[in-house]
């Protein structure tokens, strides 16, 4: 079976290589904001948003494949968001926005939701993994960590303005659930699904 990861994320590429070394990377642009707005407007939950984004990413790549290549092909789409209270946090706009997000997350538990879609010519399996992450309290130590962190390049391409696998790990107090889902791909559950298809 030919496996395609529908993502440009280096973190997802690294995580998928834990399951199999034999895959390709291919991605197509999707209007994430329009999808998110549409799901929320129709009463959907943050979990529904992640499912639809993962499905859209997988479908955009699958639909671009030549018809004679679709059989025997598995396309994996994924998207991860950070949800704190009622806010779905995307990537920060700038340094001030990153600081705002990290202050908001401090001293609280938030959800990191990863949606995954595994698409073949005859089947589509979509699931979400929800992991609870608690940041340290917003004391002087946490403030210094945040200021140091936002002066690096790390926060700006990540939902919620942090990467748990890098310097953002210092901001985190506890993780309840799938650590790898917070990084960007719930590898164990995905491995189970792929084993049933390959």
C-alpha atoms as a PDB file:
ATOM      1  CA  UNK A   1       0.000   0.000   0.000  1.00  0.00           C
ATOM      2  CA  UNK A   2       1.159   3.512  -0.822  1.00  0.00           C
ATOM      3  CA  UNK A   3       0.900   5.815   2.203  1.00  0.00           C
ATOM      4  CA  UNK A   4       0.720   9.601   1.805  1.00  0.00           C
ATOM      5  CA  UNK A   5       0.921  12.090   4.665  1.00  0.00           C
ATOM      6  CA  UNK A   6      -1.183  15.125   3.725  1.00  0.00           C
ATOM      7  CA  UNK A   7       0.844  17.569   5.802  1.00  0.00           C
ATOM      8  CA  UNK A   8       3.904  19.792   5.509  1.00  0.00           C
ATOM      9  CA  UNK A   9       4.529  19.572   9.262  1.00  0.00           C
ATOM     10  CA  UNK A  10       8.022  18.267  10.044  1.00  0.00           C
ATOM     11  CA  UNK A  11       6.688  17.076  13.412  1.00  0.00           C
ATOM     12  CA  UNK A  12       3.998  14.880  11.819  1.00  0.00           C
ATOM     13  CA  UNK A  13       6.527  13.526   9.336  1.00  0.00           C
ATOM     14  CA  UNK A  14       8.827  12.552  12.200  1.00  0.00           C
ATOM     15  CA  UNK A  15       5.978  10.936  14.142  1.00  0.00           C
ATOM     16  CA  UNK A  16       4.645   8.955  11.165  1.00  0.00           C
ATOM     17  CA  UNK A  17       8.155   7.576  10.650  1.00  0.00           C
ATOM     18  CA  UNK A  18       7.745   5.885  14.069  1.00  0.00           C
ATOM     19  CA  UNK A  19       4.969   3.798  12.473  1.00  0.00           C
ATOM     20  CA  UNK A  20       6.463   3.259   9.016  1.00  0.00           C
ATOM     21  CA  UNK A  21       9.523   4.538   7.161  1.00  0.00           C
ATOM     22  CA  UNK A  22       7.743   4.038   3.837  1.00  0.00           C
ATOM     23  CA  UNK A  23       5.510   7.035   3.068  1.00  0.00           C
ATOM     24  CA  UNK A  24       5.338  10.137   0.910  1.00  0.00           C
ATOM     25  CA  UNK A  25       4.518  13.713   1.848  1.00  0.00           C
ATOM     26  CA  UNK A  26       2.050  15.670  -0.258  1.00  0.00           C
ATOM     27  CA  UNK A  27      -0.152  18.588   0.767  1.00  0.00           C
ATOM     28  CA  UNK A  28      -2.809  20.841  -0.706  1.00  0.00           C
ATOM     29  CA  UNK A  29      -4.008  24.154   0.695  1.00  0.00           C
ATOM     30  CA  UNK A  30      -7.406  24.195   2.391  1.00  0.00           C
ATOM     31  CA  UNK A  31      -9.249  27.211   3.776  1.00  0.00           C
ATOM     32  CA  UNK A  32      -8.964  26.300   7.451  1.00  0.00           C
ATOM     33  CA  UNK A  33     -10.673  29.447   8.727  1.00  0.00           C
ATOM     34  CA  UNK A  34     -13.714  28.911   6.490  1.00  0.00           C
ATOM     35  CA  UNK A  35     -14.015  25.273   7.619  1.00  0.00           C
ATOM     36  CA  UNK A  36     -13.700  26.225  11.300  1.00  0.00           C
ATOM     37  CA  UNK A  37     -16.237  29.058  10.959  1.00  0.00           C
ATOM     38  CA  UNK A  38     -18.686  26.783   9.108  1.00  0.00           C
ATOM     39  CA  UNK A  39     -18.536  24.018  11.719  1.00  0.00           C
ATOM     40  CA  UNK A  40     -18.911  26.436  14.655  1.00  0.00           C
ATOM     41  CA  UNK A  41     -21.743  28.318  12.926  1.00  0.00           C
ATOM     42  CA  UNK A  42     -23.609  25.003  12.579  1.00  0.00           C
ATOM     43  CA  UNK A  43     -23.269  24.266  16.296  1.00  0.00           C
ATOM     44  CA  UNK A  44     -20.202  22.032  16.030  1.00  0.00           C
ATOM     45  CA  UNK A  45     -17.703  21.445  18.830  1.00  0.00           C
ATOM     46  CA  UNK A  46     -13.917  21.954  18.711  1.00  0.00           C
ATOM     47  CA  UNK A  47     -13.667  18.161  18.201  1.00  0.00           C
ATOM     48  CA  UNK A  48     -15.948  18.493  15.148  1.00  0.00           C
ATOM     49  CA  UNK A  49     -13.706  21.269  13.814  1.00  0.00           C
ATOM     50  CA  UNK A  50     -10.610  19.056  14.053  1.00  0.00           C
ATOM     51  CA  UNK A  51     -12.395  16.145  12.362  1.00  0.00           C
ATOM     52  CA  UNK A  52     -13.486  18.361   9.476  1.00  0.00           C
ATOM     53  CA  UNK A  53     -10.039  19.929   9.061  1.00  0.00           C
ATOM     54  CA  UNK A  54      -8.386  16.496   9.020  1.00  0.00           C
ATOM     55  CA  UNK A  55     -10.975  15.236   6.516  1.00  0.00           C
ATOM     56  CA  UNK A  56     -10.527  18.300   4.299  1.00  0.00           C
ATOM     57  CA  UNK A  57      -6.721  17.929   4.250  1.00  0.00           C
ATOM     58  CA  UNK A  58      -6.865  14.213   3.422  1.00  0.00           C
ATOM     59  CA  UNK A  59      -9.575  14.705   0.779  1.00  0.00           C
ATOM     60  CA  UNK A  60      -7.742  17.589  -0.917  1.00  0.00           C
ATOM     61  CA  UNK A  61      -4.729  15.343  -1.528  1.00  0.00           C
ATOM     62  CA  UNK A  62      -6.729  12.191  -2.330  1.00  0.00           C
ATOM     63  CA  UNK A  63      -8.887  14.026  -4.873  1.00  0.00           C
ATOM     64  CA  UNK A  64      -5.766  15.288  -6.697  1.00  0.00           C
ATOM     65  CA  UNK A  65      -4.465  11.770  -7.287  1.00  0.00           C
ATOM     66  CA  UNK A  66      -4.958  10.286 -10.771  1.00  0.00           C
ATOM     67  CA  UNK A  67      -7.908   7.866 -10.790  1.00  0.00           C
ATOM     68  CA  UNK A  68      -5.687   4.874 -11.557  1.00  0.00           C
ATOM     69  CA  UNK A  69      -3.536   5.607  -8.467  1.00  0.00           C
ATOM     70  CA  UNK A  70      -6.346   5.868  -5.900  1.00  0.00           C
ATOM     71  CA  UNK A  71      -6.761   2.120  -5.370  1.00  0.00           C
ATOM     72  CA  UNK A  72      -4.099   0.864  -2.998  1.00  0.00           C
ATOM     73  CA  UNK A  73      -3.424   4.337  -1.639  1.00  0.00           C
ATOM     74  CA  UNK A  74      -3.858   5.571   1.949  1.00  0.00           C
ATOM     75  CA  UNK A  75      -3.924   9.323   2.625  1.00  0.00           C
ATOM     76  CA  UNK A  76      -3.544  10.614   6.191  1.00  0.00           C
ATOM     77  CA  UNK A  77      -4.756  14.111   7.068  1.00  0.00           C
ATOM     78  CA  UNK A  78      -4.363  15.648  10.515  1.00  0.00           C
ATOM     79  CA  UNK A  79      -4.854  18.909  12.360  1.00  0.00           C
ATOM     80  CA  UNK A  80      -4.174  19.908  15.963  1.00  0.00           C
ATOM     81  CA  UNK A  81      -5.662  22.757  17.958  1.00  0.00           C
ATOM     82  CA  UNK A  82      -5.332  24.134  21.459  1.00  0.00           C
ATOM     83  CA  UNK A  83      -8.623  24.930  23.203  1.00  0.00           C
ATOM     84  CA  UNK A  84      -8.653  27.034  26.365  1.00  0.00           C
ATOM     85  CA  UNK A  85     -12.071  27.874  27.768  1.00  0.00           C
ATOM     86  CA  UNK A  86     -14.156  28.720  24.720  1.00  0.00           C
ATOM     87  CA  UNK A  87     -11.240  29.884  22.539  1.00  0.00           C
ATOM     88  CA  UNK A  88      -9.799  27.704  19.792  1.00  0.00           C
ATOM     89  CA  UNK A  89      -6.238  28.971  19.628  1.00  0.00           C
ATOM     90  CA  UNK A  90      -4.522  29.065  16.280  1.00  0.00           C
ATOM     91  CA  UNK A  91      -0.988  30.181  15.557  1.00  0.00           C
ATOM     92  CA  UNK A  92      -0.066  33.505  17.146  1.00  0.00           C
ATOM     93  CA  UNK A  93      -0.117  36.585  14.942  1.00  0.00           C
ATOM     94  CA  UNK A  94       2.943  38.149  16.555  1.00  0.00           C
ATOM     95  CA  UNK A  95       4.962  38.362  19.786  1.00  0.00           C
ATOM     96  CA  UNK A  96       2.182  40.134  21.714  1.00  0.00           C
ATOM     97  CA  UNK A  97      -0.359  37.524  20.628  1.00  0.00           C
ATOM     98  CA  UNK A  98       2.011  34.717  21.661  1.00  0.00           C
ATOM     99  CA  UNK A  99       2.467  36.341  25.077  1.00  0.00           C
ATOM    100  CA  UNK A 100      -1.327  36.738  25.448  1.00  0.00           C
ATOM    101  CA  UNK A 101      -1.901  33.056  24.655  1.00  0.00           C
ATOM    102  CA  UNK A 102       0.817  31.767  26.979  1.00  0.00           C
ATOM    103  CA  UNK A 103      -0.409  34.006  29.821  1.00  0.00           C
ATOM    104  CA  UNK A 104      -3.946  32.734  29.243  1.00  0.00           C
ATOM    105  CA  UNK A 105      -2.794  29.093  29.341  1.00  0.00           C
ATOM    106  CA  UNK A 106      -0.702  29.548  32.513  1.00  0.00           C
ATOM    107  CA  UNK A 107      -2.171  28.153  35.722  1.00  0.00           C
ATOM    108  CA  UNK A 108      -4.904  26.364  33.759  1.00  0.00           C
ATOM    109  CA  UNK A 109      -5.643  23.058  32.107  1.00  0.00           C
ATOM    110  CA  UNK A 110      -6.420  23.185  28.391  1.00  0.00           C
ATOM    111  CA  UNK A 111      -7.327  20.627  25.732  1.00  0.00           C
ATOM    112  CA  UNK A 112      -5.078  19.765  22.833  1.00  0.00           C
ATOM    113  CA  UNK A 113      -7.284  18.181  20.164  1.00  0.00           C
ATOM    114  CA  UNK A 114      -5.807  16.270  17.241  1.00  0.00           C
ATOM    115  CA  UNK A 115      -8.122  15.201  14.442  1.00  0.00           C
ATOM    116  CA  UNK A 116      -6.996  12.470  12.041  1.00  0.00           C
ATOM    117  CA  UNK A 117      -8.548  11.228   8.803  1.00  0.00           C
ATOM    118  CA  UNK A 118      -7.333   8.034   7.135  1.00  0.00           C
ATOM    119  CA  UNK A 119      -8.761   7.909   3.605  1.00  0.00           C
ATOM    120  CA  UNK A 120      -8.721   5.154   0.991  1.00  0.00           C
ATOM    121  CA  UNK A 121     -10.788   4.641  -2.145  1.00  0.00           C
ATOM    122  CA  UNK A 122     -13.344   2.580  -0.227  1.00  0.00           C
ATOM    123  CA  UNK A 123     -13.151   3.851   3.320  1.00  0.00           C
ATOM    124  CA  UNK A 124     -12.702   6.937   5.442  1.00  0.00           C
ATOM    125  CA  UNK A 125     -11.905   6.707   9.142  1.00  0.00           C
ATOM    126  CA  UNK A 126     -11.918   9.925  11.188  1.00  0.00           C
ATOM    127  CA  UNK A 127     -11.137  10.253  14.885  1.00  0.00           C
ATOM    128  CA  UNK A 128     -10.011  12.769  17.481  1.00  0.00           C
ATOM    129  CA  UNK A 129      -7.629  12.439  20.391  1.00  0.00           C
ATOM    130  CA  UNK A 130      -8.046  14.871  23.306  1.00  0.00           C
ATOM    131  CA  UNK A 131      -5.119  15.401  25.692  1.00  0.00           C
ATOM    132  CA  UNK A 132      -5.287  17.616  28.778  1.00  0.00           C
ATOM    133  CA  UNK A 133      -2.247  19.834  29.380  1.00  0.00           C
ATOM    134  CA  UNK A 134      -1.724  21.988  32.449  1.00  0.00           C
ATOM    135  CA  UNK A 135       0.696  24.921  32.417  1.00  0.00           C
ATOM    136  CA  UNK A 136       2.563  26.144  35.495  1.00  0.00           C
ATOM    137  CA  UNK A 137       1.138  29.064  37.445  1.00  0.00           C
ATOM    138  CA  UNK A 138       1.789  32.553  36.117  1.00  0.00           C
ATOM    139  CA  UNK A 139       4.402  33.475  38.698  1.00  0.00           C
ATOM    140  CA  UNK A 140       7.685  35.337  38.157  1.00  0.00           C
ATOM    141  CA  UNK A 141       9.421  32.151  37.004  1.00  0.00           C
ATOM    142  CA  UNK A 142       6.714  31.403  34.407  1.00  0.00           C
ATOM    143  CA  UNK A 143       6.801  35.031  33.232  1.00  0.00           C
ATOM    144  CA  UNK A 144      10.559  34.777  32.629  1.00  0.00           C
ATOM    145  CA  UNK A 145      10.124  31.478  30.792  1.00  0.00           C
ATOM    146  CA  UNK A 146       7.428  33.011  28.566  1.00  0.00           C
ATOM    147  CA  UNK A 147       9.556  36.049  27.731  1.00  0.00           C
ATOM    148  CA  UNK A 148      12.538  33.859  26.854  1.00  0.00           C
ATOM    149  CA  UNK A 149      10.346  31.524  24.805  1.00  0.00           C
ATOM    150  CA  UNK A 150       8.623  34.213  22.728  1.00  0.00           C
ATOM    151  CA  UNK A 151      12.038  35.663  21.842  1.00  0.00           C
ATOM    152  CA  UNK A 152      12.784  32.428  19.932  1.00  0.00           C
ATOM    153  CA  UNK A 153      11.241  31.352  16.612  1.00  0.00           C
ATOM    154  CA  UNK A 154       9.488  28.348  18.144  1.00  0.00           C
ATOM    155  CA  UNK A 155       6.022  29.645  19.123  1.00  0.00           C
ATOM    156  CA  UNK A 156       5.022  31.231  15.835  1.00  0.00           C
ATOM    157  CA  UNK A 157       4.138  28.196  13.721  1.00  0.00           C
ATOM    158  CA  UNK A 158       2.285  26.351  16.467  1.00  0.00           C
ATOM    159  CA  UNK A 159      -1.306  26.371  17.695  1.00  0.00           C
ATOM    160  CA  UNK A 160      -1.481  27.891  21.171  1.00  0.00           C
ATOM    161  CA  UNK A 161       1.993  29.401  20.667  1.00  0.00           C
ATOM    162  CA  UNK A 162       3.942  26.464  22.070  1.00  0.00           C
ATOM    163  CA  UNK A 163       5.571  23.182  21.112  1.00  0.00           C
ATOM    164  CA  UNK A 164       5.699  20.667  23.950  1.00  0.00           C
ATOM    165  CA  UNK A 165       8.600  18.810  22.314  1.00  0.00           C
ATOM    166  CA  UNK A 166      10.811  21.905  22.367  1.00  0.00           C
ATOM    167  CA  UNK A 167      11.307  24.868  24.703  1.00  0.00           C
ATOM    168  CA  UNK A 168       7.586  24.991  25.420  1.00  0.00           C
ATOM    169  CA  UNK A 169       8.056  21.891  27.583  1.00  0.00           C
ATOM    170  CA  UNK A 170       9.325  24.143  30.385  1.00  0.00           C
ATOM    171  CA  UNK A 171       5.937  25.874  30.570  1.00  0.00           C
ATOM    172  CA  UNK A 172       4.076  22.579  31.083  1.00  0.00           C
ATOM    173  CA  UNK A 173       3.325  21.112  34.505  1.00  0.00           C
ATOM    174  CA  UNK A 174       1.350  17.951  33.624  1.00  0.00           C
ATOM    175  CA  UNK A 175       0.050  16.022  30.609  1.00  0.00           C
ATOM    176  CA  UNK A 176      -2.947  13.706  30.843  1.00  0.00           C
ATOM    177  CA  UNK A 177      -3.384  11.597  27.725  1.00  0.00           C
ATOM    178  CA  UNK A 178      -1.421  11.010  24.526  1.00  0.00           C
ATOM    179  CA  UNK A 179       1.794  13.078  24.556  1.00  0.00           C
ATOM    180  CA  UNK A 180       2.401  12.463  20.842  1.00  0.00           C
ATOM    181  CA  UNK A 181      -1.030  13.874  20.019  1.00  0.00           C
ATOM    182  CA  UNK A 182       0.114  17.158  21.597  1.00  0.00           C
ATOM    183  CA  UNK A 183       3.170  17.074  19.318  1.00  0.00           C
ATOM    184  CA  UNK A 184       0.821  16.611  16.357  1.00  0.00           C
ATOM    185  CA  UNK A 185      -0.117  12.975  15.667  1.00  0.00           C
ATOM    186  CA  UNK A 186      -1.644  10.286  17.937  1.00  0.00           C
ATOM    187  CA  UNK A 187       0.709   7.545  16.763  1.00  0.00           C
ATOM    188  CA  UNK A 188      -0.603   4.514  18.666  1.00  0.00           C
ATOM    189  CA  UNK A 189      -4.200   4.870  17.514  1.00  0.00           C
ATOM    190  CA  UNK A 190      -3.101   5.687  13.980  1.00  0.00           C
ATOM    191  CA  UNK A 191      -0.797   2.640  13.946  1.00  0.00           C
ATOM    192  CA  UNK A 192      -3.754   0.399  14.896  1.00  0.00           C
ATOM    193  CA  UNK A 193      -5.867   1.781  12.048  1.00  0.00           C
ATOM    194  CA  UNK A 194      -3.061   1.473   9.483  1.00  0.00           C
ATOM    195  CA  UNK A 195      -2.345  -2.117  10.531  1.00  0.00           C
ATOM    196  CA  UNK A 196      -5.925  -2.982   9.695  1.00  0.00           C
ATOM    197  CA  UNK A 197      -5.572  -1.491   6.213  1.00  0.00           C
ATOM    198  CA  UNK A 198      -2.102  -2.556   5.093  1.00  0.00           C
END
